[in-house]
N, C-alpha and C. Protein backbone atom coordinates (compact mmCIF):
# COMPACT_ATOMS: atom_id res chain seq x y z
N MET A 1 -161.36 -262.68 -184.30
CA MET A 1 -160.04 -262.74 -185.32
C MET A 1 -159.69 -260.65 -185.53
N LEU A 2 -160.79 -260.02 -185.42
CA LEU A 2 -160.59 -258.67 -185.92
C LEU A 2 -159.79 -258.39 -184.76
N VAL A 3 -159.99 -258.50 -183.67
CA VAL A 3 -159.88 -258.12 -182.03
C VAL A 3 -158.24 -258.42 -181.67
N LEU A 4 -158.45 -259.76 -182.07
CA LEU A 4 -156.67 -260.17 -182.15
C LEU A 4 -155.40 -259.30 -183.03
N LEU A 5 -156.17 -258.94 -184.36
CA LEU A 5 -155.55 -258.20 -185.53
C LEU A 5 -155.04 -256.63 -184.39
N VAL A 6 -156.31 -255.99 -184.22
CA VAL A 6 -155.94 -254.82 -183.47
C VAL A 6 -155.40 -254.56 -182.14
N VAL A 7 -155.00 -255.89 -181.25
CA VAL A 7 -154.84 -255.68 -180.30
C VAL A 7 -152.64 -256.18 -180.32
N PHE A 8 -152.73 -257.11 -181.51
CA PHE A 8 -151.46 -257.00 -182.16
C PHE A 8 -150.97 -255.29 -182.72
N ILE A 9 -151.51 -254.60 -184.12
CA ILE A 9 -151.56 -253.38 -184.37
C ILE A 9 -150.86 -252.80 -183.42
N VAL A 10 -151.60 -252.69 -181.98
CA VAL A 10 -151.13 -251.61 -180.91
C VAL A 10 -150.01 -251.88 -180.26
N THR A 11 -149.99 -253.57 -180.41
CA THR A 11 -148.65 -253.77 -179.02
C THR A 11 -147.54 -253.94 -179.77
N ALA A 12 -147.14 -253.82 -181.34
CA ALA A 12 -146.17 -254.32 -181.99
C ALA A 12 -145.30 -253.24 -181.43
N PRO A 13 -145.38 -252.05 -181.96
CA PRO A 13 -144.77 -250.93 -181.52
C PRO A 13 -143.83 -250.91 -179.95
N LEU A 14 -144.59 -251.31 -179.26
CA LEU A 14 -144.36 -251.37 -177.99
C LEU A 14 -143.15 -252.34 -177.62
N LEU A 15 -143.20 -253.37 -178.31
CA LEU A 15 -142.20 -254.48 -178.30
C LEU A 15 -140.87 -253.80 -178.76
N THR A 16 -140.86 -253.15 -179.92
CA THR A 16 -139.48 -253.31 -180.55
C THR A 16 -139.18 -252.14 -179.94
N ASN A 17 -139.49 -251.50 -178.96
CA ASN A 17 -138.43 -250.41 -178.19
C ASN A 17 -138.02 -251.19 -176.53
N SER A 18 -138.38 -252.48 -176.54
CA SER A 18 -137.92 -252.72 -175.35
C SER A 18 -136.95 -253.65 -175.54
N ILE A 19 -135.81 -253.65 -177.08
CA ILE A 19 -135.15 -254.65 -177.16
C ILE A 19 -133.58 -254.09 -176.88
N PRO A 20 -133.16 -254.82 -176.04
CA PRO A 20 -131.48 -253.79 -175.67
C PRO A 20 -130.54 -254.34 -176.91
N ILE A 21 -129.90 -252.98 -177.50
CA ILE A 21 -128.92 -253.05 -178.63
C ILE A 21 -127.77 -252.26 -178.29
N ASN A 22 -127.10 -252.67 -179.42
CA ASN A 22 -125.26 -252.12 -178.90
C ASN A 22 -124.97 -251.51 -180.44
N LEU A 23 -125.44 -250.33 -180.40
CA LEU A 23 -125.38 -249.46 -181.92
C LEU A 23 -124.10 -249.63 -182.42
N PRO A 24 -123.00 -249.46 -181.49
CA PRO A 24 -121.77 -248.92 -182.53
C PRO A 24 -121.16 -250.37 -183.05
N LYS A 25 -121.96 -251.92 -183.35
CA LYS A 25 -121.03 -253.21 -183.84
C LYS A 25 -122.18 -253.03 -184.91
N THR A 26 -121.86 -252.87 -186.09
CA THR A 26 -122.42 -253.35 -187.47
C THR A 26 -121.31 -253.65 -188.75
N GLU A 27 -122.38 -254.23 -189.49
CA GLU A 27 -121.71 -254.72 -190.66
C GLU A 27 -122.30 -253.95 -191.76
N SER A 28 -121.09 -253.00 -192.29
CA SER A 28 -121.12 -252.27 -193.27
C SER A 28 -120.49 -252.13 -194.29
N VAL A 29 -120.60 -251.14 -195.27
CA VAL A 29 -119.35 -251.39 -196.33
C VAL A 29 -118.61 -250.51 -196.13
N ALA A 30 -117.11 -250.74 -196.55
CA ALA A 30 -116.52 -249.81 -196.03
C ALA A 30 -116.53 -248.51 -197.25
N PRO A 31 -116.01 -247.40 -196.31
CA PRO A 31 -116.78 -246.20 -197.60
C PRO A 31 -115.51 -246.26 -198.65
N VAL A 32 -116.02 -245.24 -199.38
CA VAL A 32 -115.08 -244.99 -200.83
C VAL A 32 -113.96 -244.12 -200.14
N GLU A 33 -112.69 -244.85 -200.85
CA GLU A 33 -111.33 -243.87 -200.35
C GLU A 33 -111.57 -242.31 -200.86
N GLN A 34 -111.23 -241.86 -199.79
CA GLN A 34 -111.41 -240.84 -200.04
C GLN A 34 -110.29 -239.93 -199.34
N LYS A 35 -109.25 -238.67 -199.99
CA LYS A 35 -108.10 -237.98 -200.05
C LYS A 35 -108.48 -237.52 -198.40
N ASP A 36 -107.07 -237.95 -197.42
CA ASP A 36 -107.45 -237.20 -196.38
C ASP A 36 -108.53 -237.09 -195.67
N PRO A 37 -109.28 -237.83 -195.16
CA PRO A 37 -110.46 -237.31 -194.60
C PRO A 37 -109.76 -236.81 -193.11
N LEU A 38 -110.71 -235.98 -192.22
CA LEU A 38 -110.20 -235.54 -190.71
C LEU A 38 -111.35 -236.52 -189.81
N VAL A 39 -110.23 -236.90 -189.01
CA VAL A 39 -110.86 -238.16 -188.11
C VAL A 39 -111.44 -237.48 -186.79
N VAL A 40 -112.67 -237.07 -186.25
CA VAL A 40 -112.77 -236.78 -184.85
C VAL A 40 -112.83 -237.94 -184.35
N SER A 41 -112.53 -238.01 -183.11
CA SER A 41 -112.81 -238.91 -181.95
C SER A 41 -113.21 -238.56 -181.17
N ILE A 42 -113.68 -239.41 -180.07
CA ILE A 42 -113.83 -239.09 -178.78
C ILE A 42 -113.32 -240.27 -177.86
N ASP A 43 -113.13 -240.31 -176.79
CA ASP A 43 -112.10 -241.82 -176.52
C ASP A 43 -112.70 -242.04 -175.17
N ASP A 44 -112.64 -242.75 -174.49
CA ASP A 44 -113.99 -243.17 -173.19
C ASP A 44 -113.71 -242.56 -171.95
N LYS A 45 -113.14 -241.45 -171.84
CA LYS A 45 -113.31 -240.39 -170.85
C LYS A 45 -113.58 -239.08 -171.66
N GLY A 46 -114.23 -239.07 -172.54
CA GLY A 46 -114.86 -237.94 -173.38
C GLY A 46 -113.80 -236.88 -173.72
N LYS A 47 -112.68 -237.32 -173.98
CA LYS A 47 -111.59 -236.03 -175.00
C LYS A 47 -111.77 -236.15 -176.33
N LEU A 48 -111.59 -235.19 -176.95
CA LEU A 48 -112.11 -234.95 -178.24
C LEU A 48 -110.37 -234.46 -179.00
N PHE A 49 -110.49 -235.67 -180.27
CA PHE A 49 -109.57 -235.65 -181.27
C PHE A 49 -110.06 -235.19 -182.21
N ILE A 50 -108.77 -234.74 -183.01
CA ILE A 50 -109.05 -234.28 -184.77
C ILE A 50 -107.63 -235.14 -185.02
N ASN A 51 -107.81 -236.10 -186.13
CA ASN A 51 -106.96 -236.91 -186.24
C ASN A 51 -106.21 -237.23 -184.91
N LYS A 52 -105.29 -237.45 -184.71
CA LYS A 52 -104.83 -237.48 -183.67
C LYS A 52 -103.99 -236.59 -182.44
N ASP A 53 -104.23 -235.34 -182.63
CA ASP A 53 -104.22 -233.64 -181.36
C ASP A 53 -105.46 -233.64 -181.06
N GLU A 54 -105.20 -233.90 -180.03
CA GLU A 54 -106.22 -233.64 -178.60
C GLU A 54 -106.67 -231.96 -178.63
N ILE A 55 -108.03 -232.08 -178.82
CA ILE A 55 -108.79 -230.29 -178.72
C ILE A 55 -109.66 -230.58 -177.88
N GLN A 56 -110.10 -229.04 -177.39
CA GLN A 56 -111.06 -228.42 -176.36
C GLN A 56 -112.28 -229.11 -177.27
N PRO A 57 -113.31 -228.99 -176.42
CA PRO A 57 -114.50 -229.49 -177.36
C PRO A 57 -115.34 -227.91 -177.91
N ASP A 58 -115.03 -226.73 -177.12
CA ASP A 58 -115.44 -226.16 -177.92
C ASP A 58 -114.56 -225.45 -179.03
N LEU A 59 -113.30 -225.82 -179.43
CA LEU A 59 -112.90 -225.32 -180.56
C LEU A 59 -112.70 -226.50 -181.45
N LEU A 60 -113.74 -227.58 -181.27
CA LEU A 60 -114.05 -228.14 -182.74
C LEU A 60 -114.71 -227.30 -183.99
N GLU A 61 -115.34 -227.12 -183.36
CA GLU A 61 -115.92 -226.02 -184.85
C GLU A 61 -114.84 -225.36 -185.62
N THR A 62 -114.11 -223.97 -184.31
CA THR A 62 -113.36 -223.19 -185.05
C THR A 62 -112.20 -223.80 -185.88
N ASN A 63 -112.00 -224.93 -185.47
CA ASN A 63 -111.06 -226.15 -186.53
C ASN A 63 -111.33 -226.81 -187.36
N LEU A 64 -112.51 -226.96 -187.22
CA LEU A 64 -113.33 -227.55 -188.44
C LEU A 64 -113.76 -226.47 -189.45
N ARG A 65 -113.97 -225.39 -188.92
CA ARG A 65 -114.37 -224.28 -190.25
C ARG A 65 -112.37 -223.84 -191.20
N SER A 66 -111.49 -223.80 -190.08
CA SER A 66 -110.61 -223.60 -190.92
C SER A 66 -110.17 -224.76 -191.65
N ALA A 67 -110.09 -226.36 -191.31
CA ALA A 67 -110.06 -227.11 -192.27
C ALA A 67 -111.05 -226.89 -193.53
N LYS A 68 -112.35 -226.63 -193.78
CA LYS A 68 -113.12 -226.04 -194.55
C LYS A 68 -112.82 -224.69 -195.56
N GLU A 69 -112.27 -223.90 -194.93
CA GLU A 69 -111.89 -222.92 -195.85
C GLU A 69 -110.90 -223.07 -196.67
N LYS A 70 -109.70 -224.41 -195.91
CA LYS A 70 -108.80 -224.80 -196.75
C LYS A 70 -108.75 -225.69 -197.80
N ASN A 71 -109.62 -226.51 -197.43
CA ASN A 71 -110.82 -227.89 -198.67
C ASN A 71 -111.79 -227.81 -198.74
N ALA A 72 -112.69 -226.87 -199.46
CA ALA A 72 -114.28 -227.43 -199.39
C ALA A 72 -114.96 -228.45 -199.79
N ASP A 73 -114.36 -229.49 -199.85
CA ASP A 73 -114.73 -230.72 -200.17
C ASP A 73 -114.20 -231.58 -198.91
N VAL A 74 -113.99 -231.34 -197.70
CA VAL A 74 -113.46 -232.04 -196.85
C VAL A 74 -114.32 -232.44 -196.19
N ARG A 75 -113.93 -234.05 -196.15
CA ARG A 75 -114.82 -235.24 -195.45
C ARG A 75 -114.43 -235.40 -193.79
N VAL A 76 -115.59 -235.56 -193.25
CA VAL A 76 -114.99 -235.87 -191.75
C VAL A 76 -115.39 -237.59 -191.08
N GLN A 77 -114.42 -238.52 -190.60
CA GLN A 77 -115.31 -239.18 -190.27
C GLN A 77 -115.23 -239.11 -188.53
N LEU A 78 -116.13 -239.21 -188.16
CA LEU A 78 -116.75 -239.32 -186.68
C LEU A 78 -116.50 -240.89 -185.73
N GLN A 79 -115.39 -241.36 -184.82
CA GLN A 79 -115.43 -242.29 -184.36
C GLN A 79 -115.32 -242.09 -182.42
N ALA A 80 -116.50 -242.70 -181.60
CA ALA A 80 -116.75 -242.57 -180.56
C ALA A 80 -117.13 -243.27 -179.70
N ASP A 81 -116.02 -244.23 -178.50
CA ASP A 81 -115.95 -245.18 -177.99
C ASP A 81 -117.26 -245.50 -177.57
N ASN A 82 -117.72 -246.51 -177.57
CA ASN A 82 -118.72 -247.43 -177.07
C ASN A 82 -119.47 -247.03 -175.78
N GLY A 83 -118.52 -246.47 -174.55
CA GLY A 83 -119.13 -246.39 -173.54
C GLY A 83 -119.29 -244.44 -173.74
N VAL A 84 -118.93 -243.80 -174.40
CA VAL A 84 -119.61 -242.42 -174.57
C VAL A 84 -120.37 -241.95 -174.53
N ASN A 85 -121.13 -241.10 -173.50
CA ASN A 85 -122.70 -240.55 -173.48
C ASN A 85 -123.07 -240.06 -174.89
N TYR A 86 -124.27 -240.51 -175.56
CA TYR A 86 -124.87 -240.05 -176.42
C TYR A 86 -124.76 -238.77 -176.81
N GLY A 87 -125.32 -237.51 -175.96
CA GLY A 87 -124.64 -236.33 -175.40
C GLY A 87 -123.89 -235.94 -176.30
N GLU A 88 -122.43 -236.46 -175.85
CA GLU A 88 -121.25 -235.81 -176.25
C GLU A 88 -121.26 -235.92 -177.95
N VAL A 89 -121.38 -237.44 -177.94
CA VAL A 89 -121.62 -237.26 -179.66
C VAL A 89 -122.42 -236.78 -180.56
N ALA A 90 -123.70 -235.87 -179.52
CA ALA A 90 -124.51 -235.54 -180.87
C ALA A 90 -124.35 -233.95 -180.43
N ARG A 91 -123.04 -233.40 -179.75
CA ARG A 91 -122.37 -232.27 -179.57
C ARG A 91 -121.80 -232.17 -180.42
N ALA A 92 -120.53 -233.18 -180.78
CA ALA A 92 -119.97 -233.01 -181.98
C ALA A 92 -120.69 -233.16 -183.18
N MET A 93 -121.36 -233.95 -183.32
CA MET A 93 -121.73 -233.62 -184.69
C MET A 93 -122.78 -232.40 -184.99
N ALA A 94 -123.44 -231.83 -183.92
CA ALA A 94 -123.71 -230.57 -184.36
C ALA A 94 -122.43 -229.33 -184.44
N SER A 95 -121.69 -229.58 -184.25
CA SER A 95 -120.79 -228.76 -184.48
C SER A 95 -119.68 -229.33 -185.45
N ILE A 96 -120.08 -230.21 -186.21
CA ILE A 96 -119.51 -230.39 -187.40
C ILE A 96 -120.50 -229.77 -188.13
N GLU A 97 -121.19 -230.28 -188.06
CA GLU A 97 -122.48 -229.75 -189.13
C GLU A 97 -122.53 -227.87 -188.75
N LYS A 98 -122.44 -227.10 -187.86
CA LYS A 98 -121.56 -225.61 -187.67
C LYS A 98 -120.93 -225.36 -188.67
N ALA A 99 -120.14 -226.07 -188.61
CA ALA A 99 -118.56 -225.71 -189.31
C ALA A 99 -118.72 -225.98 -191.14
N GLY A 100 -120.01 -226.15 -190.78
CA GLY A 100 -120.52 -226.37 -192.46
C GLY A 100 -119.93 -227.21 -193.15
N ILE A 101 -120.05 -228.55 -192.66
CA ILE A 101 -119.09 -229.75 -193.08
C ILE A 101 -120.35 -230.52 -193.52
N THR A 102 -120.66 -231.12 -195.04
CA THR A 102 -121.64 -231.83 -195.20
C THR A 102 -121.68 -233.28 -195.06
N LYS A 103 -119.94 -233.91 -195.33
CA LYS A 103 -119.82 -235.18 -195.61
C LYS A 103 -119.11 -235.49 -194.37
N LEU A 104 -120.42 -236.60 -193.69
CA LEU A 104 -119.73 -237.04 -192.81
C LEU A 104 -120.14 -238.04 -192.32
N SER A 105 -118.90 -239.21 -191.95
CA SER A 105 -119.27 -240.34 -192.17
C SER A 105 -119.25 -240.53 -190.83
N VAL A 106 -119.86 -241.76 -190.07
CA VAL A 106 -119.92 -242.24 -188.81
C VAL A 106 -119.57 -243.58 -188.68
N ILE A 107 -118.30 -244.19 -187.84
CA ILE A 107 -117.06 -244.79 -187.97
C ILE A 107 -117.55 -245.80 -186.89
N THR A 108 -118.02 -247.19 -187.40
CA THR A 108 -117.99 -248.30 -185.80
C THR A 108 -117.47 -249.44 -186.54
N ALA A 109 -117.11 -250.74 -185.27
CA ALA A 109 -117.05 -251.62 -185.48
C ALA A 109 -117.99 -252.71 -186.31
N LYS A 110 -117.25 -253.64 -186.65
CA LYS A 110 -117.49 -254.52 -187.25
C LYS A 110 -118.09 -255.67 -186.12
C-alpha cells in the first residue's frame, strides 16, 4: 500500500504537465470600472497597438512612460490574440513594467 502511495506522489505532478490547455479562455469577474485605461493590444500578426493606434514595439515603453508622467495612477489592459507567440506577450509585459506601470490587467475571452 505504501509503495502505491509513493508511486502516485511521484507520478501525479508529471500527469498535470501533459494536459493541453487554451489559456486565453477564462471565466473571470469583470474588472472594476476605471477611468480611461490604456489598452495595449497585440494582433494575430504581432502588430502592437496602444488603444487603436499602431506603434512600433521598441516605442511601447517610451509611450507608456510618457502616459505615466501625465497620470501617475495609469492603468493598462493587455490583450493579445490567441495565436500570438508567448514571447511577444512577455516582451510587452516587460516594457509595461519597465515603464513603471504597476496596474496591469490581462484581458481574456469568456
